Amino acid sequence: MSDASLPELPFTSVKFRRSYEMDPVDALLERIAYALKHNAGIELQALHNTLLTIELPTTKWREGYLMKEVDAHLDEEHRRIGQALGIQPASPASLSDFPLADVFRKYQQD
């Protein structure tokens, strides 16, 4: 997957605060970029499903990515993958009722 390059992502890095470990986030985003670039159907379907339930590892003492920014970005990637698969997006009202970021909100509490 080395030919998929990650764009510079504007995630804020924080320390001494609960955040997502950087390496797993970077690896997931590289996997997403590769699958989208190569239109890898099976991988896209797997990622589409994974993004609904994934629990990324967190850290508090080491540098990590601000959780709300990563969650928002993963929401957008989930929509992009759905579009690539031809999945009709839900209506805006239902998306606002169940955004992916809310799934992770319970893990943000210390």
PDB file of N, CA and C in Angstrom:
ATOM      1  N   MET A   1       0.805  -1.198   0.000  1.00  0.00           N
ATOM      2  CA  MET A   1       0.000   0.000   0.000  1.00  0.00           C
ATOM      3  C   MET A   1       0.846   1.259   0.000  1.00  0.00           C
ATOM      4  N   SER A   2       2.087   1.147  -0.236  1.00  0.00           N
ATOM      5  CA  SER A   2       2.983   2.282  -0.102  1.00  0.00           C
ATOM      6  C   SER A   2       2.787   3.363  -1.160  1.00  0.00           C
ATOM      7  N   ASP A   3       2.072   3.062  -2.251  1.00  0.00           N
ATOM      8  CA  ASP A   3       1.897   4.098  -3.270  1.00  0.00           C
ATOM      9  C   ASP A   3       0.753   5.043  -2.938  1.00  0.00           C
ATOM     10  N   ALA A   4       0.001   4.787  -1.881  1.00  0.00           N
ATOM     11  CA  ALA A   4      -1.055   5.704  -1.456  1.00  0.00           C
ATOM     12  C   ALA A   4      -0.444   6.717  -0.506  1.00  0.00           C
ATOM     13  N   SER A   5      -0.468   7.958  -0.906  1.00  0.00           N
ATOM     14  CA  SER A   5       0.108   8.976  -0.039  1.00  0.00           C
ATOM     15  C   SER A   5      -1.013   9.699   0.691  1.00  0.00           C
ATOM     16  N   LEU A   6      -0.758   9.963   1.945  1.00  0.00           N
ATOM     17  CA  LEU A   6      -1.733  10.673   2.755  1.00  0.00           C
ATOM     18  C   LEU A   6      -1.564  12.172   2.560  1.00  0.00           C
ATOM     19  N   PRO A   7      -2.658  12.871   2.339  1.00  0.00           N
ATOM     20  CA  PRO A   7      -2.551  14.323   2.294  1.00  0.00           C
ATOM     21  C   PRO A   7      -2.251  14.830   3.705  1.00  0.00           C
ATOM     22  N   GLU A   8      -1.748  16.034   3.796  1.00  0.00           N
ATOM     23  CA  GLU A   8      -1.539  16.622   5.111  1.00  0.00           C
ATOM     24  C   GLU A   8      -2.904  16.802   5.761  1.00  0.00           C
ATOM     25  N   LEU A   9      -3.057  16.217   6.918  1.00  0.00           N
ATOM     26  CA  LEU A   9      -4.329  16.302   7.622  1.00  0.00           C
ATOM     27  C   LEU A   9      -4.209  17.316   8.755  1.00  0.00           C
ATOM     28  N   PRO A  10      -5.228  18.123   8.925  1.00  0.00           N
ATOM     29  CA  PRO A  10      -5.156  19.190   9.918  1.00  0.00           C
ATOM     30  C   PRO A  10      -5.554  18.733  11.321  1.00  0.00           C
ATOM     31  N   PHE A  11      -5.128  17.539  11.718  1.00  0.00           N
ATOM     32  CA  PHE A  11      -5.470  17.076  13.056  1.00  0.00           C
ATOM     33  C   PHE A  11      -4.576  17.784  14.072  1.00  0.00           C
ATOM     34  N   THR A  12      -5.192  18.242  15.124  1.00  0.00           N
ATOM     35  CA  THR A  12      -4.449  18.851  16.209  1.00  0.00           C
ATOM     36  C   THR A  12      -3.837  17.743  17.054  1.00  0.00           C
ATOM     37  N   SER A  13      -2.563  17.860  17.353  1.00  0.00           N
ATOM     38  CA  SER A  13      -1.935  16.873  18.231  1.00  0.00           C
ATOM     39  C   SER A  13      -1.929  17.432  19.650  1.00  0.00           C
ATOM     40  N   VAL A  14      -2.234  16.545  20.589  1.00  0.00           N
ATOM     41  CA  VAL A  14      -2.329  16.950  21.990  1.00  0.00           C
ATOM     42  C   VAL A  14      -1.574  15.950  22.858  1.00  0.00           C
ATOM     43  N   LYS A  15      -1.200  16.393  24.052  1.00  0.00           N
ATOM     44  CA  LYS A  15      -0.536  15.552  25.043  1.00  0.00           C
ATOM     45  C   LYS A  15      -1.236  15.755  26.379  1.00  0.00           C
ATOM     46  N   PHE A  16      -1.166  14.749  27.217  1.00  0.00           N
ATOM     47  CA  PHE A  16      -1.743  14.802  28.560  1.00  0.00           C
ATOM     48  C   PHE A  16      -3.255  15.020  28.520  1.00  0.00           C
ATOM     49  N   ARG A  17      -3.842  14.483  27.498  1.00  0.00           N
ATOM     50  CA  ARG A  17      -5.283  14.578  27.293  1.00  0.00           C
ATOM     51  C   ARG A  17      -5.663  13.372  26.460  1.00  0.00           C
ATOM     52  N   ARG A  18      -6.795  12.787  26.724  1.00  0.00           N
ATOM     53  CA  ARG A  18      -7.181  11.597  25.972  1.00  0.00           C
ATOM     54  C   ARG A  18      -7.298  11.934  24.490  1.00  0.00           C
ATOM     55  N   SER A  19      -6.615  11.146  23.685  1.00  0.00           N
ATOM     56  CA  SER A  19      -6.574  11.371  22.240  1.00  0.00           C
ATOM     57  C   SER A  19      -6.347  10.029  21.551  1.00  0.00           C
ATOM     58  N   TYR A  20      -6.472  10.028  20.226  1.00  0.00           N
ATOM     59  CA  TYR A  20      -6.218   8.803  19.474  1.00  0.00           C
ATOM     60  C   TYR A  20      -4.724   8.655  19.225  1.00  0.00           C
ATOM     61  N   GLU A  21      -4.223   7.425  19.384  1.00  0.00           N
ATOM     62  CA  GLU A  21      -2.836   7.149  19.037  1.00  0.00           C
ATOM     63  C   GLU A  21      -2.643   7.465  17.556  1.00  0.00           C
ATOM     64  N   MET A  22      -1.529   8.054  17.223  1.00  0.00           N
ATOM     65  CA  MET A  22      -1.299   8.545  15.868  1.00  0.00           C
ATOM     66  C   MET A  22      -1.087   7.424  14.843  1.00  0.00           C
ATOM     67  N   ASP A  23      -0.278   6.432  15.172  1.00  0.00           N
ATOM     68  CA  ASP A  23       0.053   5.392  14.192  1.00  0.00           C
ATOM     69  C   ASP A  23      -1.174   4.618  13.701  1.00  0.00           C
ATOM     70  N   PRO A  24      -2.078   4.172  14.591  1.00  0.00           N
ATOM     71  CA  PRO A  24      -3.264   3.463  14.084  1.00  0.00           C
ATOM     72  C   PRO A  24      -4.159   4.347  13.208  1.00  0.00           C
ATOM     73  N   VAL A  25      -4.278   5.622  13.561  1.00  0.00           N
ATOM     74  CA  VAL A  25      -5.075   6.548  12.737  1.00  0.00           C
ATOM     75  C   VAL A  25      -4.432   6.699  11.370  1.00  0.00           C
ATOM     76  N   ASP A  26      -3.122   6.920  11.347  1.00  0.00           N
ATOM     77  CA  ASP A  26      -2.411   7.072  10.074  1.00  0.00           C
ATOM     78  C   ASP A  26      -2.542   5.813   9.216  1.00  0.00           C
ATOM     79  N   ALA A  27      -2.430   4.639   9.844  1.00  0.00           N
ATOM     80  CA  ALA A  27      -2.542   3.379   9.099  1.00  0.00           C
ATOM     81  C   ALA A  27      -3.938   3.214   8.514  1.00  0.00           C
ATOM     82  N   LEU A  28      -4.961   3.553   9.283  1.00  0.00           N
ATOM     83  CA  LEU A  28      -6.332   3.447   8.781  1.00  0.00           C
ATOM     84  C   LEU A  28      -6.547   4.407   7.620  1.00  0.00           C
ATOM     85  N   LEU A  29      -6.061   5.632   7.738  1.00  0.00           N
ATOM     86  CA  LEU A  29      -6.239   6.609   6.666  1.00  0.00           C
ATOM     87  C   LEU A  29      -5.473   6.210   5.411  1.00  0.00           C
ATOM     88  N   GLU A  30      -4.307   5.593   5.584  1.00  0.00           N
ATOM     89  CA  GLU A  30      -3.560   5.101   4.425  1.00  0.00           C
ATOM     90  C   GLU A  30      -4.338   3.980   3.733  1.00  0.00           C
ATOM     91  N   ARG A  31      -4.925   3.107   4.524  1.00  0.00           N
ATOM     92  CA  ARG A  31      -5.741   2.011   3.966  1.00  0.00           C
ATOM     93  C   ARG A  31      -6.941   2.568   3.194  1.00  0.00           C
ATOM     94  N   ILE A  32      -7.581   3.589   3.743  1.00  0.00           N
ATOM     95  CA  ILE A  32      -8.724   4.222   3.074  1.00  0.00           C
ATOM     96  C   ILE A  32      -8.273   4.874   1.767  1.00  0.00           C
ATOM     97  N   ALA A  33      -7.175   5.617   1.815  1.00  0.00           N
ATOM     98  CA  ALA A  33      -6.676   6.306   0.613  1.00  0.00           C
ATOM     99  C   ALA A  33      -6.341   5.305  -0.485  1.00  0.00           C
ATOM    100  N   TYR A  34      -5.701   4.210  -0.118  1.00  0.00           N
ATOM    101  CA  TYR A  34      -5.336   3.181  -1.089  1.00  0.00           C
ATOM    102  C   TYR A  34      -6.595   2.568  -1.720  1.00  0.00           C
ATOM    103  N   ALA A  35      -7.567   2.205  -0.884  1.00  0.00           N
ATOM    104  CA  ALA A  35      -8.785   1.565  -1.387  1.00  0.00           C
ATOM    105  C   ALA A  35      -9.555   2.505  -2.312  1.00  0.00           C
ATOM    106  N   LEU A  36      -9.636   3.784  -1.952  1.00  0.00           N
ATOM    107  CA  LEU A  36     -10.344   4.743  -2.805  1.00  0.00           C
ATOM    108  C   LEU A  36      -9.584   4.985  -4.109  1.00  0.00           C
ATOM    109  N   LYS A  37      -8.269   5.090  -4.021  1.00  0.00           N
ATOM    110  CA  LYS A  37      -7.461   5.355  -5.216  1.00  0.00           C
ATOM    111  C   LYS A  37      -7.573   4.210  -6.219  1.00  0.00           C
ATOM    112  N   HIS A  38      -7.598   2.984  -5.732  1.00  0.00           N
ATOM    113  CA  HIS A  38      -7.617   1.812  -6.604  1.00  0.00           C
ATOM    114  C   HIS A  38      -9.016   1.226  -6.779  1.00  0.00           C
ATOM    115  N   ASN A  39     -10.013   1.921  -6.225  1.00  0.00           N
ATOM    116  CA  ASN A  39     -11.399   1.461  -6.314  1.00  0.00           C
ATOM    117  C   ASN A  39     -11.500  -0.031  -5.973  1.00  0.00           C
ATOM    118  N   ALA A  40     -10.883  -0.395  -4.866  1.00  0.00           N
ATOM    119  CA  ALA A  40     -10.834  -1.790  -4.413  1.00  0.00           C
ATOM    120  C   ALA A  40     -12.151  -2.138  -3.732  1.00  0.00           C
ATOM    121  N   GLY A  41     -13.084  -2.715  -4.487  1.00  0.00           N
ATOM    122  CA  GLY A  41     -14.440  -2.958  -4.020  1.00  0.00           C
ATOM    123  C   GLY A  41     -14.565  -3.722  -2.716  1.00  0.00           C
ATOM    124  N   ILE A  42     -13.876  -4.860  -2.609  1.00  0.00           N
ATOM    125  CA  ILE A  42     -13.982  -5.667  -1.387  1.00  0.00           C
ATOM    126  C   ILE A  42     -13.398  -4.906  -0.203  1.00  0.00           C
ATOM    127  N   GLU A  43     -12.267  -4.254  -0.414  1.00  0.00           N
ATOM    128  CA  GLU A  43     -11.638  -3.477   0.660  1.00  0.00           C
ATOM    129  C   GLU A  43     -12.512  -2.285   1.040  1.00  0.00           C
ATOM    130  N   LEU A  44     -13.123  -1.632   0.052  1.00  0.00           N
ATOM    131  CA  LEU A  44     -14.012  -0.511   0.344  1.00  0.00           C
ATOM    132  C   LEU A  44     -15.208  -0.970   1.167  1.00  0.00           C
ATOM    133  N   GLN A  45     -15.774  -2.118   0.821  1.00  0.00           N
ATOM    134  CA  GLN A  45     -16.910  -2.632   1.587  1.00  0.00           C
ATOM    135  C   GLN A  45     -16.491  -2.949   3.020  1.00  0.00           C
ATOM    136  N   ALA A  46     -15.323  -3.564   3.169  1.00  0.00           N
ATOM    137  CA  ALA A  46     -14.819  -3.876   4.508  1.00  0.00           C
ATOM    138  C   ALA A  46     -14.602  -2.597   5.316  1.00  0.00           C
ATOM    139  N   LEU A  47     -14.021  -1.576   4.691  1.00  0.00           N
ATOM    140  CA  LEU A  47     -13.798  -0.308   5.384  1.00  0.00           C
ATOM    141  C   LEU A  47     -15.114   0.379   5.731  1.00  0.00           C
ATOM    142  N   HIS A  48     -16.064   0.313   4.816  1.00  0.00           N
ATOM    143  CA  HIS A  48     -17.369   0.917   5.066  1.00  0.00           C
ATOM    144  C   HIS A  48     -17.991   0.315   6.326  1.00  0.00           C
ATOM    145  N   ASN A  49     -17.898  -0.984   6.464  1.00  0.00           N
ATOM    146  CA  ASN A  49     -18.433  -1.661   7.646  1.00  0.00           C
ATOM    147  C   ASN A  49     -17.574  -1.380   8.883  1.00  0.00           C
ATOM    148  N   THR A  50     -16.271  -1.397   8.721  1.00  0.00           N
ATOM    149  CA  THR A  50     -15.349  -1.176   9.838  1.00  0.00           C
ATOM    150  C   THR A  50     -15.538   0.199  10.468  1.00  0.00           C
ATOM    151  N   LEU A  51     -15.740   1.211   9.638  1.00  0.00           N
ATOM    152  CA  LEU A  51     -15.858   2.561  10.157  1.00  0.00           C
ATOM    153  C   LEU A  51     -17.091   2.756  11.029  1.00  0.00           C
ATOM    154  N   LEU A  52     -18.046   1.853  10.943  1.00  0.00           N
ATOM    155  CA  LEU A  52     -19.229   1.948  11.800  1.00  0.00           C
ATOM    156  C   LEU A  52     -18.953   1.482  13.226  1.00  0.00           C
ATOM    157  N   THR A  53     -17.961   0.605  13.394  1.00  0.00           N
ATOM    158  CA  THR A  53     -17.752  -0.021  14.705  1.00  0.00           C
ATOM    159  C   THR A  53     -16.337   0.102  15.249  1.00  0.00           C
ATOM    160  N   ILE A  54     -15.447   0.718  14.530  1.00  0.00           N
ATOM    161  CA  ILE A  54     -14.036   0.736  14.937  1.00  0.00           C
ATOM    162  C   ILE A  54     -13.839   1.451  16.275  1.00  0.00           C
ATOM    163  N   GLU A  55     -12.946   0.905  17.068  1.00  0.00           N
ATOM    164  CA  GLU A  55     -12.528   1.532  18.315  1.00  0.00           C
ATOM    165  C   GLU A  55     -11.023   1.738  18.224  1.00  0.00           C
ATOM    166  N   LEU A  56     -10.635   2.934  17.895  1.00  0.00           N
ATOM    167  CA  LEU A  56      -9.213   3.243  17.757  1.00  0.00           C
ATOM    168  C   LEU A  56      -8.568   3.328  19.134  1.00  0.00           C
ATOM    169  N   PRO A  57      -7.311   2.881  19.240  1.00  0.00           N
ATOM    170  CA  PRO A  57      -6.623   2.962  20.529  1.00  0.00           C
ATOM    171  C   PRO A  57      -6.390   4.417  20.936  1.00  0.00           C
ATOM    172  N   THR A  58      -6.480   4.637  22.218  1.00  0.00           N
ATOM    173  CA  THR A  58      -6.307   5.990  22.744  1.00  0.00           C
ATOM    174  C   THR A  58      -5.060   6.068  23.624  1.00  0.00           C
ATOM    175  N   THR A  59      -4.643   7.290  23.851  1.00  0.00           N
ATOM    176  CA  THR A  59      -3.511   7.561  24.729  1.00  0.00           C
ATOM    177  C   THR A  59      -3.834   8.810  25.528  1.00  0.00           C
ATOM    178  N   LYS A  60      -3.187   8.949  26.642  1.00  0.00           N
ATOM    179  CA  LYS A  60      -3.347  10.167  27.427  1.00  0.00           C
ATOM    180  C   LYS A  60      -1.994  10.810  27.698  1.00  0.00           C
ATOM    181  N   TRP A  61      -0.966  10.009  27.778  1.00  0.00           N
ATOM    182  CA  TRP A  61       0.338  10.525  28.182  1.00  0.00           C
ATOM    183  C   TRP A  61       1.255  10.807  26.996  1.00  0.00           C
ATOM    184  N   ARG A  62       0.997  10.163  25.877  1.00  0.00           N
ATOM    185  CA  ARG A  62       1.797  10.425  24.682  1.00  0.00           C
ATOM    186  C   ARG A  62       1.033  11.345  23.747  1.00  0.00           C
ATOM    187  N   GLU A  63       1.738  11.866  22.774  1.00  0.00           N
ATOM    188  CA  GLU A  63       1.106  12.738  21.788  1.00  0.00           C
ATOM    189  C   GLU A  63       0.114  11.932  20.960  1.00  0.00           C
ATOM    190  N   GLY A  64      -1.052  12.498  20.729  1.00  0.00           N
ATOM    191  CA  GLY A  64      -2.072  11.847  19.923  1.00  0.00           C
ATOM    192  C   GLY A  64      -2.893  12.880  19.174  1.00  0.00           C
ATOM    193  N   TYR A  65      -3.813  12.388  18.348  1.00  0.00           N
ATOM    194  CA  TYR A  65      -4.681  13.276  17.573  1.00  0.00           C
ATOM    195  C   TYR A  65      -5.948  13.601  18.359  1.00  0.00           C
ATOM    196  N   LEU A  66      -6.379  14.828  18.248  1.00  0.00           N
ATOM    197  CA  LEU A  66      -7.613  15.275  18.885  1.00  0.00           C
ATOM    198  C   LEU A  66      -8.773  14.425  18.368  1.00  0.00           C
ATOM    199  N   MET A  67      -9.491  13.808  19.266  1.00  0.00           N
ATOM    200  CA  MET A  67     -10.493  12.805  18.901  1.00  0.00           C
ATOM    201  C   MET A  67     -11.623  13.378  18.045  1.00  0.00           C
ATOM    202  N   LYS A  68     -12.137  14.539  18.389  1.00  0.00           N
ATOM    203  CA  LYS A  68     -13.284  15.069  17.643  1.00  0.00           C
ATOM    204  C   LYS A  68     -12.918  15.370  16.198  1.00  0.00           C
ATOM    205  N   GLU A  69     -11.679  15.773  15.945  1.00  0.00           N
ATOM    206  CA  GLU A  69     -11.253  16.050  14.565  1.00  0.00           C
ATOM    207  C   GLU A  69     -11.123  14.758  13.764  1.00  0.00           C
ATOM    208  N   VAL A  70     -10.545  13.727  14.379  1.00  0.00           N
ATOM    209  CA  VAL A  70     -10.426  12.435  13.699  1.00  0.00           C
ATOM    210  C   VAL A  70     -11.813  11.862  13.431  1.00  0.00           C
ATOM    211  N   ASP A  71     -12.695  11.917  14.424  1.00  0.00           N
ATOM    212  CA  ASP A  71     -14.048  11.390  14.256  1.00  0.00           C
ATOM    213  C   ASP A  71     -14.776  12.078  13.103  1.00  0.00           C
ATOM    214  N   ALA A  72     -14.661  13.399  13.031  1.00  0.00           N
ATOM    215  CA  ALA A  72     -15.312  14.144  11.942  1.00  0.00           C
ATOM    216  C   ALA A  72     -14.735  13.736  10.586  1.00  0.00           C
ATOM    217  N   HIS A  73     -13.422  13.559  10.527  1.00  0.00           N
ATOM    218  CA  HIS A  73     -12.787  13.149   9.274  1.00  0.00           C
ATOM    219  C   HIS A  73     -13.225  11.740   8.880  1.00  0.00           C
ATOM    220  N   LEU A  74     -13.316  10.837   9.847  1.00  0.00           N
ATOM    221  CA  LEU A  74     -13.752   9.473   9.544  1.00  0.00           C
ATOM    222  C   LEU A  74     -15.210   9.453   9.092  1.00  0.00           C
ATOM    223  N   ASP A  75     -16.030  10.346   9.637  1.00  0.00           N
ATOM    224  CA  ASP A  75     -17.412  10.471   9.143  1.00  0.00           C
ATOM    225  C   ASP A  75     -17.407  10.793   7.656  1.00  0.00           C
ATOM    226  N   GLU A  76     -16.564  11.758   7.267  1.00  0.00           N
ATOM    227  CA  GLU A  76     -16.487  12.165   5.855  1.00  0.00           C
ATOM    228  C   GLU A  76     -15.947  11.035   4.990  1.00  0.00           C
ATOM    229  N   GLU A  77     -14.934  10.325   5.470  1.00  0.00           N
ATOM    230  CA  GLU A  77     -14.394   9.195   4.707  1.00  0.00           C
ATOM    231  C   GLU A  77     -15.445   8.103   4.545  1.00  0.00           C
ATOM    232  N   HIS A  78     -16.240   7.871   5.569  1.00  0.00           N
ATOM    233  CA  HIS A  78     -17.309   6.869   5.489  1.00  0.00           C
ATOM    234  C   HIS A  78     -18.297   7.241   4.389  1.00  0.00           C
ATOM    235  N   ARG A  79     -18.638   8.542   4.301  1.00  0.00           N
ATOM    236  CA  ARG A  79     -19.548   8.997   3.240  1.00  0.00           C
ATOM    237  C   ARG A  79     -18.911   8.811   1.854  1.00  0.00           C
ATOM    238  N   ARG A  80     -17.620   9.146   1.737  1.00  0.00           N
ATOM    239  CA  ARG A  80     -16.917   8.993   0.449  1.00  0.00           C
ATOM    240  C   ARG A  80     -16.876   7.536   0.013  1.00  0.00           C
ATOM    241  N   ILE A  81     -16.600   6.654   0.956  1.00  0.00           N
ATOM    242  CA  ILE A  81     -16.559   5.224   0.633  1.00  0.00           C
ATOM    243  C   ILE A  81     -17.941   4.753   0.202  1.00  0.00           C
ATOM    244  N   GLY A  82     -18.968   5.194   0.903  1.00  0.00           N
ATOM    245  CA  GLY A  82     -20.334   4.844   0.519  1.00  0.00           C
ATOM    246  C   GLY A  82     -20.658   5.302  -0.891  1.00  0.00           C
ATOM    247  N   GLN A  83     -20.221   6.506  -1.241  1.00  0.00           N
ATOM    248  CA  GLN A  83     -20.443   7.013  -2.596  1.00  0.00           C
ATOM    249  C   GLN A  83     -19.701   6.158  -3.613  1.00  0.00           C
ATOM    250  N   ALA A  84     -18.475   5.774  -3.297  1.00  0.00           N
ATOM    251  CA  ALA A  84     -17.687   4.949  -4.215  1.00  0.00           C
ATOM    252  C   ALA A  84     -18.343   3.586  -4.424  1.00  0.00           C
ATOM    253  N   LEU A  85     -19.037   3.104  -3.406  1.00  0.00           N
ATOM    254  CA  LEU A  85     -19.729   1.814  -3.498  1.00  0.00           C
ATOM    255  C   LEU A  85     -21.119   1.946  -4.114  1.00  0.00           C
ATOM    256  N   GLY A  86     -21.558   3.187  -4.342  1.00  0.00           N
ATOM    257  CA  GLY A  86     -22.880   3.406  -4.899  1.00  0.00           C
ATOM    258  C   GLY A  86     -23.992   3.312  -3.870  1.00  0.00           C
ATOM    259  N   ILE A  87     -23.624   3.463  -2.608  1.00  0.00           N
ATOM    260  CA  ILE A  87     -24.625   3.413  -1.536  1.00  0.00           C
ATOM    261  C   ILE A  87     -25.242   4.799  -1.416  1.00  0.00           C
ATOM    262  N   GLN A  88     -26.556   4.837  -1.478  1.00  0.00           N
ATOM    263  CA  GLN A  88     -27.261   6.105  -1.360  1.00  0.00           C
ATOM    264  C   GLN A  88     -27.096   6.648   0.055  1.00  0.00           C
ATOM    265  N   PRO A  89     -26.679   7.903   0.184  1.00  0.00           N
ATOM    266  CA  PRO A  89     -26.558   8.471   1.525  1.00  0.00           C
ATOM    267  C   PRO A  89     -27.929   8.622   2.165  1.00  0.00           C
ATOM    268  N   ALA A  90     -27.942   8.519   3.470  1.00  0.00           N
ATOM    269  CA  ALA A  90     -29.193   8.722   4.202  1.00  0.00           C
ATOM    270  C   ALA A  90     -29.566  10.190   4.107  1.00  0.00           C
ATOM    271  N   SER A  91     -30.807  10.485   4.393  1.00  0.00           N
ATOM    272  CA  SER A  91     -31.231  11.882   4.359  1.00  0.00           C
ATOM    273  C   SER A  91     -30.485  12.660   5.436  1.00  0.00           C
ATOM    274  N   PRO A  92     -30.268  13.949   5.228  1.00  0.00           N
ATOM    275  CA  PRO A  92     -29.541  14.747   6.226  1.00  0.00           C
ATOM    276  C   PRO A  92     -30.148  14.659   7.620  1.00  0.00           C
ATOM    277  N   ALA A  93     -31.451  14.561   7.715  1.00  0.00           N
ATOM    278  CA  ALA A  93     -32.082  14.474   9.028  1.00  0.00           C
ATOM    279  C   ALA A  93     -31.649  13.202   9.754  1.00  0.00           C
ATOM    280  N   SER A  94     -31.605  12.066   9.047  1.00  0.00           N
ATOM    281  CA  SER A  94     -31.215  10.836   9.728  1.00  0.00           C
ATOM    282  C   SER A  94     -29.722  10.811  10.023  1.00  0.00           C
ATOM    283  N   LEU A  95     -28.906  11.452   9.176  1.00  0.00           N
ATOM    284  CA  LEU A  95     -27.476  11.529   9.470  1.00  0.00           C
ATOM    285  C   LEU A  95     -27.231  12.349  10.727  1.00  0.00           C
ATOM    286  N   SER A  96     -27.984  13.428  10.904  1.00  0.00           N
ATOM    287  CA  SER A  96     -27.771  14.242  12.096  1.00  0.00           C
ATOM    288  C   SER A  96     -28.239  13.512  13.348  1.00  0.00           C
ATOM    289  N   ASP A  97     -29.163  12.565  13.185  1.00  0.00           N
ATOM    290  CA  ASP A  97     -29.614  11.783  14.334  1.00  0.00           C
ATOM    291  C   ASP A  97     -28.572  10.756  14.764  1.00  0.00           C
ATOM    292  N   PHE A  98     -27.775  10.230  13.832  1.00  0.00           N
ATOM    293  CA  PHE A  98     -26.825   9.159  14.131  1.00  0.00           C
ATOM    294  C   PHE A  98     -25.468   9.385  13.483  1.00  0.00           C
ATOM    295  N   PRO A  99     -24.792  10.515  13.759  1.00  0.00           N
ATOM    296  CA  PRO A  99     -23.476  10.705  13.157  1.00  0.00           C
ATOM    297  C   PRO A  99     -22.462   9.745  13.755  1.00  0.00           C
ATOM    298  N   LEU A 100     -21.500   9.344  12.939  1.00  0.00           N
ATOM    299  CA  LEU A 100     -20.468   8.416  13.383  1.00  0.00           C
ATOM    300  C   LEU A 100     -19.694   8.966  14.570  1.00  0.00           C
ATOM    301  N   ALA A 101     -19.510  10.262  14.627  1.00  0.00           N
ATOM    302  CA  ALA A 101     -18.760  10.853  15.735  1.00  0.00           C
ATOM    303  C   ALA A 101     -19.409  10.543  17.078  1.00  0.00           C
ATOM    304  N   ASP A 102     -20.735  10.432  17.124  1.00  0.00           N
ATOM    305  CA  ASP A 102     -21.414  10.110  18.376  1.00  0.00           C
ATOM    306  C   ASP A 102     -21.055   8.718  18.881  1.00  0.00           C
ATOM    307  N   VAL A 103     -20.751   7.808  17.961  1.00  0.00           N
ATOM    308  CA  VAL A 103     -20.369   6.461  18.356  1.00  0.00           C
ATOM    309  C   VAL A 103     -19.110   6.513  19.210  1.00  0.00           C
ATOM    310  N   PHE A 104     -18.205   7.431  18.877  1.00  0.00           N
ATOM    311  CA  PHE A 104     -16.938   7.527  19.581  1.00  0.00           C
ATOM    312  C   PHE A 104     -17.003   8.431  20.811  1.00  0.00           C
ATOM    313  N   ARG A 105     -18.047   9.227  20.938  1.00  0.00           N
ATOM    314  CA  ARG A 105     -18.132  10.200  22.017  1.00  0.00           C
ATOM    315  C   ARG A 105     -17.994   9.545  23.384  1.00  0.00           C
ATOM    316  N   LYS A 106     -18.569   8.368  23.558  1.00  0.00           N
ATOM    317  CA  LYS A 106     -18.499   7.709  24.868  1.00  0.00           C
ATOM    318  C   LYS A 106     -17.068   7.358  25.248  1.00  0.00           C
ATOM    319  N   TYR A 107     -16.174   7.233  24.257  1.00  0.00           N
ATOM    320  CA  TYR A 107     -14.775   6.884  24.533  1.00  0.00           C
ATOM    321  C   TYR A 107     -13.937   8.123  24.837  1.00  0.00           C
ATOM    322  N   GLN A 108     -14.502   9.302  24.670  1.00  0.00           N
ATOM    323  CA  GLN A 108     -13.754  10.519  24.907  1.00  0.00           C
ATOM    324  C   GLN A 108     -13.765  10.916  26.368  1.00  0.00           C
ATOM    325  N   GLN A 109     -14.659  10.355  27.127  1.00  0.00           N
ATOM    326  CA  GLN A 109     -14.774  10.720  28.530  1.00  0.00           C
ATOM    327  C   GLN A 109     -13.693  10.011  29.330  1.00  0.00           C
ATOM    328  N   ASP A 110     -13.098  10.736  30.232  1.00  0.00           N
ATOM    329  CA  ASP A 110     -12.031  10.143  31.049  1.00  0.00           C
ATOM    330  C   ASP A 110     -12.559   9.349  32.198  1.00  0.00           C
TER     331      ASP A 110
END
